[in-house]
Amino acid sequence: MRDLALWDHSFDTGALGGPSFRATMLTRGVLNSGDSIPYALALIHGQQGGLPTIGHSGSSLGFRADYLRFPTQHLSFFVLCNTPTNPSRFAAQVAQLYLVTK
């Protein structure tokens, strides 16, 4: 978990790879039509509760994970599990609970 926390913290500080790396990671893809898409080098721009989010989910060999970041709040949620469940839903629910009670 410490590695994930350091990686996440670098989005605020630029500690890993510097500011240009961070900017590249967050740059949305652009279609041939010129329209931008939510996908940005393995990170997906989204929105929850009217707040911008950055995140990514995935699974492999029975392992599932979700990363949900609220960049304007400097707040992130990681869900790591090895059961047939939906970590993205858990991350969103925990984030909602935290943001509503804050």
N, C-alpha and C. Protein backbone atom coordinates (compact mmCIF):
# COMPACT_ATOMS: atom_id res chain seq x y z
N MET A 1 0.82 -1.20 0.00
CA MET A 1 0.00 0.00 0.00
C MET A 1 0.86 1.26 0.00
N ARG A 2 2.02 1.19 0.62
CA ARG A 2 2.88 2.38 0.66
C ARG A 2 3.24 2.82 -0.75
N ASP A 3 3.53 1.87 -1.63
CA ASP A 3 3.85 2.23 -3.02
C ASP A 3 2.69 2.95 -3.68
N LEU A 4 1.48 2.47 -3.46
CA LEU A 4 0.31 3.13 -4.03
C LEU A 4 0.14 4.53 -3.47
N ALA A 5 0.37 4.68 -2.18
CA ALA A 5 0.24 6.00 -1.55
C ALA A 5 1.29 6.97 -2.10
N LEU A 6 2.52 6.50 -2.30
CA LEU A 6 3.56 7.35 -2.87
C LEU A 6 3.23 7.75 -4.31
N TRP A 7 2.74 6.79 -5.08
CA TRP A 7 2.35 7.07 -6.46
C TRP A 7 1.21 8.10 -6.49
N ASP A 8 0.21 7.89 -5.65
CA ASP A 8 -0.91 8.83 -5.58
C ASP A 8 -0.44 10.22 -5.16
N HIS A 9 0.42 10.28 -4.15
CA HIS A 9 0.92 11.57 -3.65
C HIS A 9 1.68 12.33 -4.73
N SER A 10 2.28 11.60 -5.65
CA SER A 10 3.04 12.27 -6.71
C SER A 10 2.14 13.10 -7.63
N PHE A 11 0.84 12.82 -7.65
CA PHE A 11 -0.07 13.65 -8.44
C PHE A 11 -0.19 15.05 -7.85
N ASP A 12 0.06 15.18 -6.55
CA ASP A 12 0.06 16.50 -5.91
C ASP A 12 1.43 17.15 -5.97
N THR A 13 2.48 16.34 -5.87
CA THR A 13 3.82 16.89 -5.72
C THR A 13 4.69 16.83 -6.97
N GLY A 14 4.38 15.91 -7.87
CA GLY A 14 5.23 15.70 -9.04
C GLY A 14 6.50 14.95 -8.68
N ALA A 15 6.53 14.31 -7.50
CA ALA A 15 7.74 13.64 -7.02
C ALA A 15 8.19 12.51 -7.93
N LEU A 16 7.28 11.80 -8.55
CA LEU A 16 7.65 10.70 -9.44
C LEU A 16 7.54 11.17 -10.89
N GLY A 17 8.66 11.33 -11.51
CA GLY A 17 8.67 11.71 -12.92
C GLY A 17 8.61 13.19 -13.19
N GLY A 18 8.33 13.99 -12.18
CA GLY A 18 8.28 15.43 -12.35
C GLY A 18 6.95 15.92 -12.91
N PRO A 19 6.79 17.22 -12.98
CA PRO A 19 5.53 17.82 -13.44
C PRO A 19 5.13 17.44 -14.87
N SER A 20 6.12 17.27 -15.75
CA SER A 20 5.77 16.94 -17.14
C SER A 20 5.20 15.52 -17.23
N PHE A 21 5.73 14.61 -16.43
CA PHE A 21 5.20 13.24 -16.40
C PHE A 21 3.76 13.26 -15.90
N ARG A 22 3.51 13.99 -14.84
CA ARG A 22 2.15 14.11 -14.28
C ARG A 22 1.20 14.69 -15.33
N ALA A 23 1.62 15.73 -15.99
CA ALA A 23 0.77 16.35 -17.01
C ALA A 23 0.47 15.37 -18.14
N THR A 24 1.47 14.60 -18.56
CA THR A 24 1.28 13.61 -19.61
C THR A 24 0.29 12.54 -19.18
N MET A 25 0.44 12.04 -17.95
CA MET A 25 -0.47 11.01 -17.43
C MET A 25 -1.93 11.47 -17.41
N LEU A 26 -2.14 12.77 -17.22
CA LEU A 26 -3.49 13.30 -17.09
C LEU A 26 -4.06 13.87 -18.39
N THR A 27 -3.27 13.84 -19.47
CA THR A 27 -3.73 14.40 -20.75
C THR A 27 -4.72 13.45 -21.41
N ARG A 28 -5.91 13.96 -21.65
CA ARG A 28 -6.96 13.15 -22.29
C ARG A 28 -6.59 12.81 -23.72
N GLY A 29 -7.04 11.64 -24.15
CA GLY A 29 -6.86 11.26 -25.54
C GLY A 29 -7.73 12.12 -26.45
N VAL A 30 -7.30 12.25 -27.69
CA VAL A 30 -8.05 13.04 -28.67
C VAL A 30 -8.33 12.17 -29.89
N LEU A 31 -9.59 12.13 -30.30
CA LEU A 31 -9.99 11.37 -31.47
C LEU A 31 -9.61 12.10 -32.76
N ASN A 32 -9.64 11.41 -33.88
CA ASN A 32 -9.35 12.03 -35.17
C ASN A 32 -10.28 13.21 -35.44
N SER A 33 -11.48 13.17 -34.87
CA SER A 33 -12.44 14.27 -35.05
C SER A 33 -12.07 15.51 -34.26
N GLY A 34 -11.10 15.36 -33.34
CA GLY A 34 -10.71 16.48 -32.49
C GLY A 34 -11.38 16.45 -31.13
N ASP A 35 -12.36 15.57 -30.95
CA ASP A 35 -13.04 15.46 -29.65
C ASP A 35 -12.14 14.75 -28.66
N SER A 36 -12.14 15.24 -27.41
CA SER A 36 -11.37 14.56 -26.37
C SER A 36 -12.22 13.46 -25.74
N ILE A 37 -11.52 12.48 -25.16
CA ILE A 37 -12.19 11.36 -24.50
C ILE A 37 -11.74 11.32 -23.04
N PRO A 38 -12.48 10.62 -22.19
CA PRO A 38 -12.10 10.57 -20.77
C PRO A 38 -10.81 9.81 -20.49
N TYR A 39 -10.38 8.94 -21.41
CA TYR A 39 -9.21 8.10 -21.19
C TYR A 39 -7.92 8.89 -21.36
N ALA A 40 -7.01 8.75 -20.38
CA ALA A 40 -5.73 9.47 -20.42
C ALA A 40 -4.61 8.57 -19.92
N LEU A 41 -3.92 7.88 -20.81
CA LEU A 41 -2.78 7.02 -20.45
C LEU A 41 -3.05 6.15 -19.23
N ALA A 42 -4.07 5.33 -19.30
CA ALA A 42 -4.48 4.38 -18.26
C ALA A 42 -5.23 5.01 -17.11
N LEU A 43 -5.45 6.29 -17.12
CA LEU A 43 -6.28 6.95 -16.11
C LEU A 43 -7.53 7.47 -16.81
N ILE A 44 -8.64 7.42 -16.11
CA ILE A 44 -9.90 7.82 -16.70
C ILE A 44 -10.46 9.02 -15.94
N HIS A 45 -10.72 10.09 -16.66
CA HIS A 45 -11.36 11.27 -16.08
C HIS A 45 -12.85 10.98 -15.92
N GLY A 46 -13.39 11.35 -14.79
CA GLY A 46 -14.81 11.15 -14.55
C GLY A 46 -15.35 12.19 -13.60
N GLN A 47 -16.47 11.86 -12.99
CA GLN A 47 -17.13 12.78 -12.08
C GLN A 47 -17.97 11.97 -11.10
N GLN A 48 -17.98 12.38 -9.86
CA GLN A 48 -18.86 11.78 -8.86
C GLN A 48 -19.35 12.89 -7.95
N GLY A 49 -20.64 12.97 -7.78
CA GLY A 49 -21.21 13.99 -6.91
C GLY A 49 -20.85 15.40 -7.32
N GLY A 50 -20.69 15.61 -8.62
CA GLY A 50 -20.33 16.94 -9.13
C GLY A 50 -18.86 17.28 -8.99
N LEU A 51 -18.05 16.35 -8.51
CA LEU A 51 -16.62 16.57 -8.34
C LEU A 51 -15.84 15.80 -9.40
N PRO A 52 -14.78 16.40 -9.93
CA PRO A 52 -13.97 15.68 -10.91
C PRO A 52 -13.23 14.52 -10.24
N THR A 53 -13.07 13.43 -11.00
CA THR A 53 -12.34 12.27 -10.51
C THR A 53 -11.34 11.81 -11.56
N ILE A 54 -10.35 11.09 -11.09
CA ILE A 54 -9.38 10.39 -11.93
C ILE A 54 -9.33 8.98 -11.37
N GLY A 55 -9.30 7.99 -12.22
CA GLY A 55 -9.24 6.64 -11.67
C GLY A 55 -8.93 5.59 -12.69
N HIS A 56 -8.86 4.37 -12.19
CA HIS A 56 -8.65 3.21 -13.04
C HIS A 56 -8.99 1.96 -12.25
N SER A 57 -9.55 1.00 -12.94
CA SER A 57 -9.84 -0.28 -12.30
C SER A 57 -9.28 -1.39 -13.17
N GLY A 58 -9.17 -2.56 -12.58
CA GLY A 58 -8.67 -3.68 -13.37
C GLY A 58 -8.73 -4.97 -12.60
N SER A 59 -8.45 -6.05 -13.30
CA SER A 59 -8.43 -7.36 -12.66
C SER A 59 -7.49 -8.28 -13.42
N SER A 60 -6.97 -9.26 -12.70
CA SER A 60 -6.09 -10.25 -13.30
C SER A 60 -5.98 -11.45 -12.37
N LEU A 61 -6.21 -12.63 -12.90
CA LEU A 61 -6.00 -13.87 -12.17
C LEU A 61 -6.67 -13.87 -10.79
N GLY A 62 -7.90 -13.42 -10.71
CA GLY A 62 -8.64 -13.44 -9.46
C GLY A 62 -8.42 -12.24 -8.57
N PHE A 63 -7.58 -11.31 -8.97
CA PHE A 63 -7.31 -10.10 -8.21
C PHE A 63 -8.04 -8.93 -8.86
N ARG A 64 -8.69 -8.12 -8.05
CA ARG A 64 -9.40 -6.95 -8.58
C ARG A 64 -8.98 -5.71 -7.81
N ALA A 65 -8.98 -4.58 -8.51
CA ALA A 65 -8.54 -3.34 -7.87
C ALA A 65 -9.26 -2.14 -8.48
N ASP A 66 -9.34 -1.09 -7.67
CA ASP A 66 -9.87 0.17 -8.16
C ASP A 66 -9.14 1.31 -7.48
N TYR A 67 -8.88 2.36 -8.25
CA TYR A 67 -8.25 3.58 -7.76
C TYR A 67 -9.19 4.72 -8.13
N LEU A 68 -9.59 5.49 -7.14
CA LEU A 68 -10.50 6.62 -7.35
C LEU A 68 -9.92 7.83 -6.65
N ARG A 69 -9.61 8.86 -7.43
CA ARG A 69 -8.99 10.08 -6.89
C ARG A 69 -9.88 11.28 -7.15
N PHE A 70 -10.01 12.12 -6.14
CA PHE A 70 -10.69 13.40 -6.25
C PHE A 70 -9.61 14.47 -6.21
N PRO A 71 -9.11 14.90 -7.37
CA PRO A 71 -7.94 15.78 -7.39
C PRO A 71 -8.14 17.13 -6.70
N THR A 72 -9.32 17.71 -6.79
CA THR A 72 -9.52 19.02 -6.16
C THR A 72 -9.60 18.91 -4.64
N GLN A 73 -9.91 17.73 -4.13
CA GLN A 73 -9.96 17.50 -2.68
C GLN A 73 -8.66 16.87 -2.16
N HIS A 74 -7.74 16.49 -3.07
CA HIS A 74 -6.51 15.78 -2.70
C HIS A 74 -6.86 14.55 -1.87
N LEU A 75 -7.82 13.78 -2.39
CA LEU A 75 -8.37 12.64 -1.68
C LEU A 75 -8.45 11.45 -2.61
N SER A 76 -7.97 10.29 -2.15
CA SER A 76 -7.96 9.10 -3.00
C SER A 76 -8.42 7.88 -2.23
N PHE A 77 -8.96 6.92 -2.99
CA PHE A 77 -9.44 5.66 -2.42
C PHE A 77 -8.89 4.53 -3.27
N PHE A 78 -8.34 3.52 -2.59
CA PHE A 78 -7.86 2.31 -3.23
C PHE A 78 -8.67 1.14 -2.69
N VAL A 79 -9.12 0.28 -3.55
CA VAL A 79 -9.78 -0.96 -3.13
C VAL A 79 -9.05 -2.10 -3.82
N LEU A 80 -8.52 -3.02 -3.02
CA LEU A 80 -7.81 -4.19 -3.52
C LEU A 80 -8.51 -5.42 -2.95
N CYS A 81 -8.87 -6.36 -3.79
CA CYS A 81 -9.56 -7.55 -3.29
C CYS A 81 -9.27 -8.75 -4.19
N ASN A 82 -9.57 -9.92 -3.66
CA ASN A 82 -9.35 -11.14 -4.44
C ASN A 82 -10.60 -12.00 -4.45
N THR A 83 -11.74 -11.36 -4.41
CA THR A 83 -13.01 -12.06 -4.48
C THR A 83 -13.80 -11.54 -5.67
N PRO A 84 -14.74 -12.32 -6.16
CA PRO A 84 -15.56 -11.85 -7.29
C PRO A 84 -16.53 -10.76 -6.84
N THR A 85 -16.05 -9.56 -6.81
CA THR A 85 -16.84 -8.43 -6.35
C THR A 85 -16.57 -7.23 -7.26
N ASN A 86 -17.12 -6.09 -6.92
CA ASN A 86 -16.97 -4.89 -7.74
C ASN A 86 -16.24 -3.81 -6.94
N PRO A 87 -14.91 -3.76 -7.03
CA PRO A 87 -14.16 -2.78 -6.25
C PRO A 87 -14.48 -1.34 -6.62
N SER A 88 -14.87 -1.10 -7.87
CA SER A 88 -15.23 0.27 -8.28
C SER A 88 -16.45 0.76 -7.52
N ARG A 89 -17.42 -0.12 -7.34
CA ARG A 89 -18.61 0.24 -6.57
C ARG A 89 -18.25 0.53 -5.12
N PHE A 90 -17.39 -0.31 -4.53
CA PHE A 90 -16.96 -0.08 -3.15
C PHE A 90 -16.24 1.25 -3.00
N ALA A 91 -15.33 1.55 -3.91
CA ALA A 91 -14.59 2.82 -3.84
C ALA A 91 -15.55 4.00 -3.92
N ALA A 92 -16.50 3.94 -4.84
CA ALA A 92 -17.47 5.03 -4.98
C ALA A 92 -18.34 5.18 -3.74
N GLN A 93 -18.74 4.06 -3.15
CA GLN A 93 -19.58 4.11 -1.94
C GLN A 93 -18.81 4.68 -0.75
N VAL A 94 -17.58 4.24 -0.57
CA VAL A 94 -16.78 4.76 0.54
C VAL A 94 -16.50 6.25 0.33
N ALA A 95 -16.19 6.64 -0.88
CA ALA A 95 -15.95 8.05 -1.19
C ALA A 95 -17.20 8.88 -0.88
N GLN A 96 -18.35 8.39 -1.29
CA GLN A 96 -19.60 9.10 -1.03
C GLN A 96 -19.83 9.27 0.48
N LEU A 97 -19.62 8.22 1.23
CA LEU A 97 -19.78 8.30 2.69
C LEU A 97 -18.83 9.33 3.27
N TYR A 98 -17.59 9.30 2.85
CA TYR A 98 -16.60 10.24 3.38
C TYR A 98 -16.95 11.67 3.00
N LEU A 99 -17.27 11.90 1.74
CA LEU A 99 -17.53 13.27 1.27
C LEU A 99 -18.81 13.84 1.85
N VAL A 100 -19.81 13.01 2.12
CA VAL A 100 -21.07 13.50 2.70
C VAL A 100 -20.88 13.85 4.17
N THR A 101 -20.06 13.09 4.89
CA THR A 101 -19.88 13.34 6.32
C THR A 101 -18.80 14.36 6.62
N LYS A 102 -18.03 14.71 5.62
CA LYS A 102 -16.94 15.67 5.83
C LYS A 102 -17.46 17.07 6.01
